[in-house]
mmCIF file of all heavy atoms, coordinates in Angstrom:
data_MODEL
# 
_entry.id   MODEL 
# 
loop_
_atom_site.group_PDB 
_atom_site.id 
_atom_site.type_symbol 
_atom_site.label_atom_id 
_atom_site.label_alt_id 
_atom_site.label_comp_id 
_atom_site.label_asym_id 
_atom_site.label_entity_id 
_atom_site.label_seq_id 
_atom_site.pdbx_PDB_ins_code 
_atom_site.Cartn_x 
_atom_site.Cartn_y 
_atom_site.Cartn_z 
_atom_site.occupancy 
_atom_site.B_iso_or_equiv 
_atom_site.pdbx_formal_charge 
_atom_site.auth_seq_id 
_atom_site.auth_comp_id 
_atom_site.auth_asym_id 
_atom_site.auth_atom_id 
_atom_site.pdbx_PDB_model_num 
ATOM 1   N N   . THR A 1 1  ? 188.710 49.794 108.898 1.00 0.00 ? 1  THR A N   1 
ATOM 2   C CA  . THR A 1 1  ? 190.111 49.774 108.477 1.00 0.00 ? 1  THR A CA  1 
ATOM 3   C C   . THR A 1 1  ? 190.161 49.628 106.966 1.00 0.00 ? 1  THR A C   1 
ATOM 4   O O   . THR A 1 1  ? 189.593 48.687 106.414 1.00 0.00 ? 1  THR A O   1 
ATOM 5   C CB  . THR A 1 1  ? 190.864 48.612 109.136 1.00 0.00 ? 1  THR A CB  1 
ATOM 6   O OG1 . THR A 1 1  ? 190.810 48.776 110.554 1.00 0.00 ? 1  THR A OG1 1 
ATOM 7   C CG2 . THR A 1 1  ? 192.315 48.585 108.693 1.00 0.00 ? 1  THR A CG2 1 
ATOM 8   N N   . ARG A 1 2  ? 190.816 50.562 106.299 1.00 0.00 ? 2  ARG A N   1 
ATOM 9   C CA  . ARG A 1 2  ? 190.845 50.530 104.844 1.00 0.00 ? 2  ARG A CA  1 
ATOM 10  C C   . ARG A 1 2  ? 191.733 49.394 104.349 1.00 0.00 ? 2  ARG A C   1 
ATOM 11  O O   . ARG A 1 2  ? 192.877 49.262 104.809 1.00 0.00 ? 2  ARG A O   1 
ATOM 12  C CB  . ARG A 1 2  ? 191.380 51.853 104.310 1.00 0.00 ? 2  ARG A CB  1 
ATOM 13  C CG  . ARG A 1 2  ? 190.890 52.176 102.909 1.00 0.00 ? 2  ARG A CG  1 
ATOM 14  C CD  . ARG A 1 2  ? 191.883 53.015 102.127 1.00 0.00 ? 2  ARG A CD  1 
ATOM 15  N NE  . ARG A 1 2  ? 192.898 52.152 101.521 1.00 0.00 ? 2  ARG A NE  1 
ATOM 16  C CZ  . ARG A 1 2  ? 193.861 52.587 100.721 1.00 0.00 ? 2  ARG A CZ  1 
ATOM 17  N NH1 . ARG A 1 2  ? 193.952 53.876 100.461 1.00 0.00 ? 2  ARG A NH1 1 
ATOM 18  N NH2 . ARG A 1 2  ? 194.726 51.760 100.202 1.00 0.00 ? 2  ARG A NH2 1 
ATOM 19  N N   . PRO A 1 3  ? 191.223 48.536 103.457 1.00 0.00 ? 3  PRO A N   1 
ATOM 20  C CA  . PRO A 1 3  ? 192.083 47.510 102.868 1.00 0.00 ? 3  PRO A CA  1 
ATOM 21  C C   . PRO A 1 3  ? 193.313 48.138 102.218 1.00 0.00 ? 3  PRO A C   1 
ATOM 22  O O   . PRO A 1 3  ? 193.235 49.217 101.617 1.00 0.00 ? 3  PRO A O   1 
ATOM 23  C CB  . PRO A 1 3  ? 191.177 46.849 101.821 1.00 0.00 ? 3  PRO A CB  1 
ATOM 24  C CG  . PRO A 1 3  ? 189.782 47.089 102.309 1.00 0.00 ? 3  PRO A CG  1 
ATOM 25  C CD  . PRO A 1 3  ? 189.840 48.437 102.964 1.00 0.00 ? 3  PRO A CD  1 
ATOM 26  N N   . ARG A 1 4  ? 194.439 47.460 102.330 1.00 0.00 ? 4  ARG A N   1 
ATOM 27  C CA  . ARG A 1 4  ? 195.686 48.035 101.819 1.00 0.00 ? 4  ARG A CA  1 
ATOM 28  C C   . ARG A 1 4  ? 195.677 48.157 100.308 1.00 0.00 ? 4  ARG A C   1 
ATOM 29  O O   . ARG A 1 4  ? 196.142 49.151 99.757  1.00 0.00 ? 4  ARG A O   1 
ATOM 30  C CB  . ARG A 1 4  ? 196.868 47.176 102.274 1.00 0.00 ? 4  ARG A CB  1 
ATOM 31  C CG  . ARG A 1 4  ? 197.086 47.200 103.783 1.00 0.00 ? 4  ARG A CG  1 
ATOM 32  C CD  . ARG A 1 4  ? 198.278 46.381 104.186 1.00 0.00 ? 4  ARG A CD  1 
ATOM 33  N NE  . ARG A 1 4  ? 199.522 46.920 103.641 1.00 0.00 ? 4  ARG A NE  1 
ATOM 34  C CZ  . ARG A 1 4  ? 200.721 46.362 103.803 1.00 0.00 ? 4  ARG A CZ  1 
ATOM 35  N NH1 . ARG A 1 4  ? 200.825 45.238 104.507 1.00 0.00 ? 4  ARG A NH1 1 
ATOM 36  N NH2 . ARG A 1 4  ? 201.791 46.918 103.291 1.00 0.00 ? 4  ARG A NH2 1 
ATOM 37  N N   . ALA A 1 5  ? 195.164 47.158 99.620  1.00 0.00 ? 5  ALA A N   1 
ATOM 38  C CA  . ALA A 1 5  ? 195.126 47.205 98.161  1.00 0.00 ? 5  ALA A CA  1 
ATOM 39  C C   . ALA A 1 5  ? 194.038 48.169 97.706  1.00 0.00 ? 5  ALA A C   1 
ATOM 40  O O   . ALA A 1 5  ? 192.892 48.097 98.163  1.00 0.00 ? 5  ALA A O   1 
ATOM 41  C CB  . ALA A 1 5  ? 194.876 45.818 97.586  1.00 0.00 ? 5  ALA A CB  1 
ATOM 42  N N   . ALA A 1 6  ? 194.391 49.074 96.798  1.00 0.00 ? 6  ALA A N   1 
ATOM 43  C CA  . ALA A 1 6  ? 193.430 50.087 96.342  1.00 0.00 ? 6  ALA A CA  1 
ATOM 44  C C   . ALA A 1 6  ? 192.191 49.456 95.729  1.00 0.00 ? 6  ALA A C   1 
ATOM 45  O O   . ALA A 1 6  ? 191.067 49.916 95.970  1.00 0.00 ? 6  ALA A O   1 
ATOM 46  C CB  . ALA A 1 6  ? 194.108 51.017 95.336  1.00 0.00 ? 6  ALA A CB  1 
ATOM 47  N N   . VAL A 1 7  ? 192.366 48.390 94.963  1.00 0.00 ? 7  VAL A N   1 
ATOM 48  C CA  . VAL A 1 7  ? 191.214 47.784 94.295  1.00 0.00 ? 7  VAL A CA  1 
ATOM 49  C C   . VAL A 1 7  ? 190.267 47.160 95.311  1.00 0.00 ? 7  VAL A C   1 
ATOM 50  O O   . VAL A 1 7  ? 189.045 47.216 95.155  1.00 0.00 ? 7  VAL A O   1 
ATOM 51  C CB  . VAL A 1 7  ? 191.682 46.751 93.241  1.00 0.00 ? 7  VAL A CB  1 
ATOM 52  C CG1 . VAL A 1 7  ? 192.368 45.553 93.894  1.00 0.00 ? 7  VAL A CG1 1 
ATOM 53  C CG2 . VAL A 1 7  ? 190.509 46.308 92.372  1.00 0.00 ? 7  VAL A CG2 1 
ATOM 54  N N   . ARG A 1 8  ? 190.813 46.597 96.399  1.00 0.00 ? 8  ARG A N   1 
ATOM 55  C CA  . ARG A 1 8  ? 189.955 46.026 97.444  1.00 0.00 ? 8  ARG A CA  1 
ATOM 56  C C   . ARG A 1 8  ? 189.238 47.129 98.221  1.00 0.00 ? 8  ARG A C   1 
ATOM 57  O O   . ARG A 1 8  ? 188.085 46.982 98.618  1.00 0.00 ? 8  ARG A O   1 
ATOM 58  C CB  . ARG A 1 8  ? 190.784 45.168 98.399  1.00 0.00 ? 8  ARG A CB  1 
ATOM 59  C CG  . ARG A 1 8  ? 191.414 43.944 97.793  1.00 0.00 ? 8  ARG A CG  1 
ATOM 60  C CD  . ARG A 1 8  ? 190.407 42.798 97.639  1.00 0.00 ? 8  ARG A CD  1 
ATOM 61  N NE  . ARG A 1 8  ? 189.557 42.939 96.461  1.00 0.00 ? 8  ARG A NE  1 
ATOM 62  C CZ  . ARG A 1 8  ? 189.912 42.575 95.234  1.00 0.00 ? 8  ARG A CZ  1 
ATOM 63  N NH1 . ARG A 1 8  ? 191.109 42.051 95.030  1.00 0.00 ? 8  ARG A NH1 1 
ATOM 64  N NH2 . ARG A 1 8  ? 189.095 42.717 94.219  1.00 0.00 ? 8  ARG A NH2 1 
ATOM 65  N N   . ALA A 1 9  ? 189.923 48.241 98.451  1.00 0.00 ? 9  ALA A N   1 
ATOM 66  C CA  . ALA A 1 9  ? 189.292 49.364 99.137  1.00 0.00 ? 9  ALA A CA  1 
ATOM 67  C C   . ALA A 1 9  ? 188.131 49.902 98.318  1.00 0.00 ? 9  ALA A C   1 
ATOM 68  O O   . ALA A 1 9  ? 187.061 50.218 98.854  1.00 0.00 ? 9  ALA A O   1 
ATOM 69  C CB  . ALA A 1 9  ? 190.318 50.462 99.404  1.00 0.00 ? 9  ALA A CB  1 
ATOM 70  N N   . LEU A 1 10 ? 188.323 50.006 97.006  1.00 0.00 ? 10 LEU A N   1 
ATOM 71  C CA  . LEU A 1 10 ? 187.243 50.478 96.145  1.00 0.00 ? 10 LEU A CA  1 
ATOM 72  C C   . LEU A 1 10 ? 186.094 49.472 96.135  1.00 0.00 ? 10 LEU A C   1 
ATOM 73  O O   . LEU A 1 10 ? 184.920 49.859 96.165  1.00 0.00 ? 10 LEU A O   1 
ATOM 74  C CB  . LEU A 1 10 ? 187.754 50.714 94.720  1.00 0.00 ? 10 LEU A CB  1 
ATOM 75  C CG  . LEU A 1 10 ? 186.730 51.278 93.730  1.00 0.00 ? 10 LEU A CG  1 
ATOM 76  C CD1 . LEU A 1 10 ? 186.142 52.594 94.227  1.00 0.00 ? 10 LEU A CD1 1 
ATOM 77  C CD2 . LEU A 1 10 ? 187.363 51.460 92.348  1.00 0.00 ? 10 LEU A CD2 1 
ATOM 78  N N   . ASP A 1 11 ? 186.419 48.180 96.126  1.00 0.00 ? 11 ASP A N   1 
ATOM 79  C CA  . ASP A 1 11 ? 185.370 47.159 96.185  1.00 0.00 ? 11 ASP A CA  1 
ATOM 80  C C   . ASP A 1 11 ? 184.532 47.307 97.456  1.00 0.00 ? 11 ASP A C   1 
ATOM 81  O O   . ASP A 1 11 ? 183.302 47.186 97.420  1.00 0.00 ? 11 ASP A O   1 
ATOM 82  C CB  . ASP A 1 11 ? 185.988 45.757 96.153  1.00 0.00 ? 11 ASP A CB  1 
ATOM 83  C CG  . ASP A 1 11 ? 186.502 45.369 94.775  1.00 0.00 ? 11 ASP A CG  1 
ATOM 84  O OD1 . ASP A 1 11 ? 186.109 46.028 93.789  1.00 0.00 ? 11 ASP A OD1 1 
ATOM 85  O OD2 . ASP A 1 11 ? 187.290 44.407 94.696  1.00 0.00 ? 11 ASP A OD2 1 
ATOM 86  N N   . LEU A 1 12 ? 185.192 47.574 98.576  1.00 0.00 ? 12 LEU A N   1 
ATOM 87  C CA  . LEU A 1 12 ? 184.457 47.734 99.829  1.00 0.00 ? 12 LEU A CA  1 
ATOM 88  C C   . LEU A 1 12 ? 183.572 48.970 99.775  1.00 0.00 ? 12 LEU A C   1 
ATOM 89  O O   . LEU A 1 12 ? 182.410 48.931 100.206 1.00 0.00 ? 12 LEU A O   1 
ATOM 90  C CB  . LEU A 1 12 ? 185.424 47.825 101.010 1.00 0.00 ? 12 LEU A CB  1 
ATOM 91  C CG  . LEU A 1 12 ? 184.778 48.030 102.387 1.00 0.00 ? 12 LEU A CG  1 
ATOM 92  C CD1 . LEU A 1 12 ? 183.765 46.928 102.702 1.00 0.00 ? 12 LEU A CD1 1 
ATOM 93  C CD2 . LEU A 1 12 ? 185.838 48.120 103.482 1.00 0.00 ? 12 LEU A CD2 1 
ATOM 94  N N   . HIS A 1 13 ? 184.097 50.065 99.248  1.00 0.00 ? 13 HIS A N   1 
ATOM 95  C CA  . HIS A 1 13 ? 183.278 51.269 99.135  1.00 0.00 ? 13 HIS A CA  1 
ATOM 96  C C   . HIS A 1 13 ? 182.044 51.019 98.262  1.00 0.00 ? 13 HIS A C   1 
ATOM 97  O O   . HIS A 1 13 ? 180.925 51.423 98.620  1.00 0.00 ? 13 HIS A O   1 
ATOM 98  C CB  . HIS A 1 13 ? 184.088 52.425 98.550  1.00 0.00 ? 13 HIS A CB  1 
ATOM 99  C CG  . HIS A 1 13 ? 183.244 53.619 98.224  1.00 0.00 ? 13 HIS A CG  1 
ATOM 100 N ND1 . HIS A 1 13 ? 182.723 54.448 99.189  1.00 0.00 ? 13 HIS A ND1 1 
ATOM 101 C CD2 . HIS A 1 13 ? 182.777 54.087 97.030  1.00 0.00 ? 13 HIS A CD2 1 
ATOM 102 C CE1 . HIS A 1 13 ? 181.981 55.389 98.616  1.00 0.00 ? 13 HIS A CE1 1 
ATOM 103 N NE2 . HIS A 1 13 ? 181.999 55.186 97.315  1.00 0.00 ? 13 HIS A NE2 1 
ATOM 104 N N   . LEU A 1 14 ? 182.234 50.350 97.131  1.00 0.00 ? 14 LEU A N   1 
ATOM 105 C CA  . LEU A 1 14 ? 181.103 50.077 96.241  1.00 0.00 ? 14 LEU A CA  1 
ATOM 106 C C   . LEU A 1 14 ? 180.096 49.152 96.906  1.00 0.00 ? 14 LEU A C   1 
ATOM 107 O O   . LEU A 1 14 ? 178.880 49.289 96.706  1.00 0.00 ? 14 LEU A O   1 
ATOM 108 C CB  . LEU A 1 14 ? 181.602 49.481 94.925  1.00 0.00 ? 14 LEU A CB  1 
ATOM 109 C CG  . LEU A 1 14 ? 182.442 50.427 94.055  1.00 0.00 ? 14 LEU A CG  1 
ATOM 110 C CD1 . LEU A 1 14 ? 182.981 49.685 92.836  1.00 0.00 ? 14 LEU A CD1 1 
ATOM 111 C CD2 . LEU A 1 14 ? 181.623 51.637 93.620  1.00 0.00 ? 14 LEU A CD2 1 
ATOM 112 N N   . LEU A 1 15 ? 180.591 48.200 97.701  1.00 0.00 ? 15 LEU A N   1 
ATOM 113 C CA  . LEU A 1 15 ? 179.698 47.307 98.433  1.00 0.00 ? 15 LEU A CA  1 
ATOM 114 C C   . LEU A 1 15 ? 178.858 48.101 99.431  1.00 0.00 ? 15 LEU A C   1 
ATOM 115 O O   . LEU A 1 15 ? 177.641 47.883 99.554  1.00 0.00 ? 15 LEU A O   1 
ATOM 116 C CB  . LEU A 1 15 ? 180.514 46.237 99.153  1.00 0.00 ? 15 LEU A CB  1 
ATOM 117 C CG  . LEU A 1 15 ? 179.765 45.273 100.088 1.00 0.00 ? 15 LEU A CG  1 
ATOM 118 C CD1 . LEU A 1 15 ? 178.642 44.554 99.351  1.00 0.00 ? 15 LEU A CD1 1 
ATOM 119 C CD2 . LEU A 1 15 ? 180.733 44.272 100.696 1.00 0.00 ? 15 LEU A CD2 1 
ATOM 120 N N   . LEU A 1 16 ? 179.474 49.048 100.136 1.00 0.00 ? 16 LEU A N   1 
ATOM 121 C CA  . LEU A 1 16 ? 178.735 49.863 101.098 1.00 0.00 ? 16 LEU A CA  1 
ATOM 122 C C   . LEU A 1 16 ? 177.738 50.772 100.397 1.00 0.00 ? 16 LEU A C   1 
ATOM 123 O O   . LEU A 1 16 ? 176.604 50.953 100.868 1.00 0.00 ? 16 LEU A O   1 
ATOM 124 C CB  . LEU A 1 16 ? 179.711 50.690 101.941 1.00 0.00 ? 16 LEU A CB  1 
ATOM 125 C CG  . LEU A 1 16 ? 180.673 49.885 102.823 1.00 0.00 ? 16 LEU A CG  1 
ATOM 126 C CD1 . LEU A 1 16 ? 181.679 50.820 103.499 1.00 0.00 ? 16 LEU A CD1 1 
ATOM 127 C CD2 . LEU A 1 16 ? 179.924 49.068 103.853 1.00 0.00 ? 16 LEU A CD2 1 
ATOM 128 N N   . ARG A 1 17 ? 178.134 51.337 99.274  1.00 0.00 ? 17 ARG A N   1 
ATOM 129 C CA  . ARG A 1 17 ? 177.222 52.194 98.509  1.00 0.00 ? 17 ARG A CA  1 
ATOM 130 C C   . ARG A 1 17 ? 175.994 51.399 98.062  1.00 0.00 ? 17 ARG A C   1 
ATOM 131 O O   . ARG A 1 17 ? 174.851 51.869 98.150  1.00 0.00 ? 17 ARG A O   1 
ATOM 132 C CB  . ARG A 1 17 ? 177.954 52.761 97.291  1.00 0.00 ? 17 ARG A CB  1 
ATOM 133 C CG  . ARG A 1 17 ? 177.122 53.733 96.456  1.00 0.00 ? 17 ARG A CG  1 
ATOM 134 C CD  . ARG A 1 17 ? 177.827 54.124 95.177  1.00 0.00 ? 17 ARG A CD  1 
ATOM 135 N NE  . ARG A 1 17 ? 177.886 53.012 94.233  1.00 0.00 ? 17 ARG A NE  1 
ATOM 136 C CZ  . ARG A 1 17 ? 178.128 53.135 92.934  1.00 0.00 ? 17 ARG A CZ  1 
ATOM 137 N NH1 . ARG A 1 17 ? 178.366 54.333 92.425  1.00 0.00 ? 17 ARG A NH1 1 
ATOM 138 N NH2 . ARG A 1 17 ? 178.173 52.093 92.143  1.00 0.00 ? 17 ARG A NH2 1 
ATOM 139 N N   . ARG A 1 18 ? 176.236 50.165 97.598  1.00 0.00 ? 18 ARG A N   1 
ATOM 140 C CA  . ARG A 1 18 ? 175.127 49.314 97.171  1.00 0.00 ? 18 ARG A CA  1 
ATOM 141 C C   . ARG A 1 18 ? 174.261 48.904 98.359  1.00 0.00 ? 18 ARG A C   1 
ATOM 142 O O   . ARG A 1 18 ? 173.037 48.901 98.273  1.00 0.00 ? 18 ARG A O   1 
ATOM 143 C CB  . ARG A 1 18 ? 175.683 48.078 96.464  1.00 0.00 ? 18 ARG A CB  1 
ATOM 144 C CG  . ARG A 1 18 ? 174.624 47.177 95.853  1.00 0.00 ? 18 ARG A CG  1 
ATOM 145 C CD  . ARG A 1 18 ? 175.242 46.160 94.924  1.00 0.00 ? 18 ARG A CD  1 
ATOM 146 N NE  . ARG A 1 18 ? 176.097 45.208 95.616  1.00 0.00 ? 18 ARG A NE  1 
ATOM 147 C CZ  . ARG A 1 18 ? 177.397 45.062 95.393  1.00 0.00 ? 18 ARG A CZ  1 
ATOM 148 N NH1 . ARG A 1 18 ? 178.012 45.833 94.510  1.00 0.00 ? 18 ARG A NH1 1 
ATOM 149 N NH2 . ARG A 1 18 ? 178.096 44.164 96.060  1.00 0.00 ? 18 ARG A NH2 1 
ATOM 150 N N   . PHE A 1 19 ? 174.896 48.561 99.481  1.00 0.00 ? 19 PHE A N   1 
ATOM 151 C CA  . PHE A 1 19 ? 174.171 48.170 100.685 1.00 0.00 ? 19 PHE A CA  1 
ATOM 152 C C   . PHE A 1 19 ? 173.206 49.270 101.129 1.00 0.00 ? 19 PHE A C   1 
ATOM 153 O O   . PHE A 1 19 ? 172.079 48.988 101.540 1.00 0.00 ? 19 PHE A O   1 
ATOM 154 C CB  . PHE A 1 19 ? 175.177 47.867 101.802 1.00 0.00 ? 19 PHE A CB  1 
ATOM 155 C CG  . PHE A 1 19 ? 174.558 47.571 103.137 1.00 0.00 ? 19 PHE A CG  1 
ATOM 156 C CD1 . PHE A 1 19 ? 173.992 46.332 103.397 1.00 0.00 ? 19 PHE A CD1 1 
ATOM 157 C CD2 . PHE A 1 19 ? 174.545 48.528 104.142 1.00 0.00 ? 19 PHE A CD2 1 
ATOM 158 C CE1 . PHE A 1 19 ? 173.410 46.053 104.632 1.00 0.00 ? 19 PHE A CE1 1 
ATOM 159 C CE2 . PHE A 1 19 ? 173.967 48.255 105.376 1.00 0.00 ? 19 PHE A CE2 1 
ATOM 160 C CZ  . PHE A 1 19 ? 173.405 47.013 105.618 1.00 0.00 ? 19 PHE A CZ  1 
ATOM 161 N N   . LEU A 1 20 ? 173.630 50.520 101.013 1.00 0.00 ? 20 LEU A N   1 
ATOM 162 C CA  . LEU A 1 20 ? 172.797 51.652 101.402 1.00 0.00 ? 20 LEU A CA  1 
ATOM 163 C C   . LEU A 1 20 ? 171.715 51.976 100.373 1.00 0.00 ? 20 LEU A C   1 
ATOM 164 O O   . LEU A 1 20 ? 170.863 52.838 100.615 1.00 0.00 ? 20 LEU A O   1 
ATOM 165 C CB  . LEU A 1 20 ? 173.671 52.887 101.637 1.00 0.00 ? 20 LEU A CB  1 
ATOM 166 C CG  . LEU A 1 20 ? 174.627 52.801 102.822 1.00 0.00 ? 20 LEU A CG  1 
ATOM 167 C CD1 . LEU A 1 20 ? 175.623 53.956 102.794 1.00 0.00 ? 20 LEU A CD1 1 
ATOM 168 C CD2 . LEU A 1 20 ? 173.867 52.782 104.140 1.00 0.00 ? 20 LEU A CD2 1 
ATOM 169 N N   . GLY A 1 21 ? 171.732 51.312 99.231  1.00 0.00 ? 21 GLY A N   1 
ATOM 170 C CA  . GLY A 1 21 ? 170.727 51.552 98.199  1.00 0.00 ? 21 GLY A CA  1 
ATOM 171 C C   . GLY A 1 21 ? 170.950 52.822 97.405  1.00 0.00 ? 21 GLY A C   1 
ATOM 172 O O   . GLY A 1 21 ? 170.035 53.314 96.740  1.00 0.00 ? 21 GLY A O   1 
ATOM 173 N N   . LEU A 1 22 ? 172.186 53.352 97.434  1.00 0.00 ? 22 LEU A N   1 
ATOM 174 C CA  . LEU A 1 22 ? 172.430 54.652 96.809  1.00 0.00 ? 22 LEU A CA  1 
ATOM 175 C C   . LEU A 1 22 ? 172.494 54.593 95.295  1.00 0.00 ? 22 LEU A C   1 
ATOM 176 O O   . LEU A 1 22 ? 172.396 55.626 94.633  1.00 0.00 ? 22 LEU A O   1 
ATOM 177 C CB  . LEU A 1 22 ? 173.731 55.262 97.367  1.00 0.00 ? 22 LEU A CB  1 
ATOM 178 C CG  . LEU A 1 22 ? 173.758 55.459 98.884  1.00 0.00 ? 22 LEU A CG  1 
ATOM 179 C CD1 . LEU A 1 22 ? 175.057 56.125 99.300  1.00 0.00 ? 22 LEU A CD1 1 
ATOM 180 C CD2 . LEU A 1 22 ? 172.553 56.267 99.357  1.00 0.00 ? 22 LEU A CD2 1 
ATOM 181 N N   . GLU A 1 23 ? 172.629 53.393 94.734  1.00 0.00 ? 23 GLU A N   1 
ATOM 182 C CA  . GLU A 1 23 ? 172.662 53.303 93.273  1.00 0.00 ? 23 GLU A CA  1 
ATOM 183 C C   . GLU A 1 23 ? 171.276 53.009 92.693  1.00 0.00 ? 23 GLU A C   1 
ATOM 184 O O   . GLU A 1 23 ? 171.124 52.861 91.480  1.00 0.00 ? 23 GLU A O   1 
ATOM 185 C CB  . GLU A 1 23 ? 173.654 52.219 92.834  1.00 0.00 ? 23 GLU A CB  1 
ATOM 186 C CG  . GLU A 1 23 ? 173.322 50.822 93.300  1.00 0.00 ? 23 GLU A CG  1 
ATOM 187 C CD  . GLU A 1 23 ? 174.370 49.806 92.881  1.00 0.00 ? 23 GLU A CD  1 
ATOM 188 O OE1 . GLU A 1 23 ? 175.506 50.191 92.569  1.00 0.00 ? 23 GLU A OE1 1 
ATOM 189 O OE2 . GLU A 1 23 ? 174.036 48.614 92.867  1.00 0.00 ? 23 GLU A OE2 1 
ATOM 190 N N   . GLN A 1 24 ? 170.269 52.946 93.550  1.00 0.00 ? 24 GLN A N   1 
ATOM 191 C CA  . GLN A 1 24 ? 168.923 52.679 93.056  1.00 0.00 ? 24 GLN A CA  1 
ATOM 192 C C   . GLN A 1 24 ? 168.349 53.913 92.354  1.00 0.00 ? 24 GLN A C   1 
ATOM 193 O O   . GLN A 1 24 ? 168.579 55.043 92.793  1.00 0.00 ? 24 GLN A O   1 
ATOM 194 C CB  . GLN A 1 24 ? 168.019 52.247 94.217  1.00 0.00 ? 24 GLN A CB  1 
ATOM 195 C CG  . GLN A 1 24 ? 168.410 50.903 94.787  1.00 0.00 ? 24 GLN A CG  1 
ATOM 196 C CD  . GLN A 1 24 ? 167.658 50.550 96.059  1.00 0.00 ? 24 GLN A CD  1 
ATOM 197 O OE1 . GLN A 1 24 ? 166.650 51.168 96.392  1.00 0.00 ? 24 GLN A OE1 1 
ATOM 198 N NE2 . GLN A 1 24 ? 168.167 49.565 96.781  1.00 0.00 ? 24 GLN A NE2 1 
ATOM 199 N N   . PRO A 1 25 ? 167.606 53.704 91.261  1.00 0.00 ? 25 PRO A N   1 
ATOM 200 C CA  . PRO A 1 25 ? 167.113 54.827 90.435  1.00 0.00 ? 25 PRO A CA  1 
ATOM 201 C C   . PRO A 1 25 ? 165.887 55.497 91.043  1.00 0.00 ? 25 PRO A C   1 
ATOM 202 O O   . PRO A 1 25 ? 164.806 55.538 90.440  1.00 0.00 ? 25 PRO A O   1 
ATOM 203 C CB  . PRO A 1 25 ? 166.796 54.145 89.102  1.00 0.00 ? 25 PRO A CB  1 
ATOM 204 C CG  . PRO A 1 25 ? 166.388 52.760 89.499  1.00 0.00 ? 25 PRO A CG  1 
ATOM 205 C CD  . PRO A 1 25 ? 167.249 52.397 90.671  1.00 0.00 ? 25 PRO A CD  1 
ATOM 206 N N   . LEU A 1 26 ? 166.055 56.045 92.234  1.00 0.00 ? 26 LEU A N   1 
ATOM 207 C CA  . LEU A 1 26 ? 164.918 56.607 92.963  1.00 0.00 ? 26 LEU A CA  1 
ATOM 208 C C   . LEU A 1 26 ? 164.325 57.812 92.242  1.00 0.00 ? 26 LEU A C   1 
ATOM 209 O O   . LEU A 1 26 ? 163.100 57.939 92.119  1.00 0.00 ? 26 LEU A O   1 
ATOM 210 C CB  . LEU A 1 26 ? 165.372 57.000 94.372  1.00 0.00 ? 26 LEU A CB  1 
ATOM 211 C CG  . LEU A 1 26 ? 164.331 56.942 95.490  1.00 0.00 ? 26 LEU A CG  1 
ATOM 212 C CD1 . LEU A 1 26 ? 163.729 55.546 95.592  1.00 0.00 ? 26 LEU A CD1 1 
ATOM 213 C CD2 . LEU A 1 26 ? 164.948 57.353 96.806  1.00 0.00 ? 26 LEU A CD2 1 
ATOM 214 N N   . ALA A 1 27 ? 165.189 58.706 91.750  1.00 0.00 ? 27 ALA A N   1 
ATOM 215 C CA  . ALA A 1 27 ? 164.687 59.908 91.081  1.00 0.00 ? 27 ALA A CA  1 
ATOM 216 C C   . ALA A 1 27 ? 163.889 59.543 89.831  1.00 0.00 ? 27 ALA A C   1 
ATOM 217 O O   . ALA A 1 27 ? 162.824 60.136 89.563  1.00 0.00 ? 27 ALA A O   1 
ATOM 218 C CB  . ALA A 1 27 ? 165.855 60.833 90.718  1.00 0.00 ? 27 ALA A CB  1 
ATOM 219 N N   . GLU A 1 28 ? 164.373 58.574 89.066  1.00 0.00 ? 28 GLU A N   1 
ATOM 220 C CA  . GLU A 1 28 ? 163.666 58.149 87.858  1.00 0.00 ? 28 GLU A CA  1 
ATOM 221 C C   . GLU A 1 28 ? 162.317 57.530 88.195  1.00 0.00 ? 28 GLU A C   1 
ATOM 222 O O   . GLU A 1 28 ? 161.311 57.769 87.526  1.00 0.00 ? 28 GLU A O   1 
ATOM 223 C CB  . GLU A 1 28 ? 164.518 57.152 87.064  1.00 0.00 ? 28 GLU A CB  1 
ATOM 224 C CG  . GLU A 1 28 ? 165.783 57.747 86.471  1.00 0.00 ? 28 GLU A CG  1 
ATOM 225 C CD  . GLU A 1 28 ? 166.981 57.633 87.415  1.00 0.00 ? 28 GLU A CD  1 
ATOM 226 O OE1 . GLU A 1 28 ? 166.769 57.607 88.654  1.00 0.00 ? 28 GLU A OE1 1 
ATOM 227 O OE2 . GLU A 1 28 ? 168.110 57.577 86.909  1.00 0.00 ? 28 GLU A OE2 1 
# 
């Protein structure tokens, strides 16, 4: 369920992106 506040929704997305390790510098 998407949080109603846009900033909280973005925080959740960034948390999930980090949880999946997608911001790790794998290519480098």
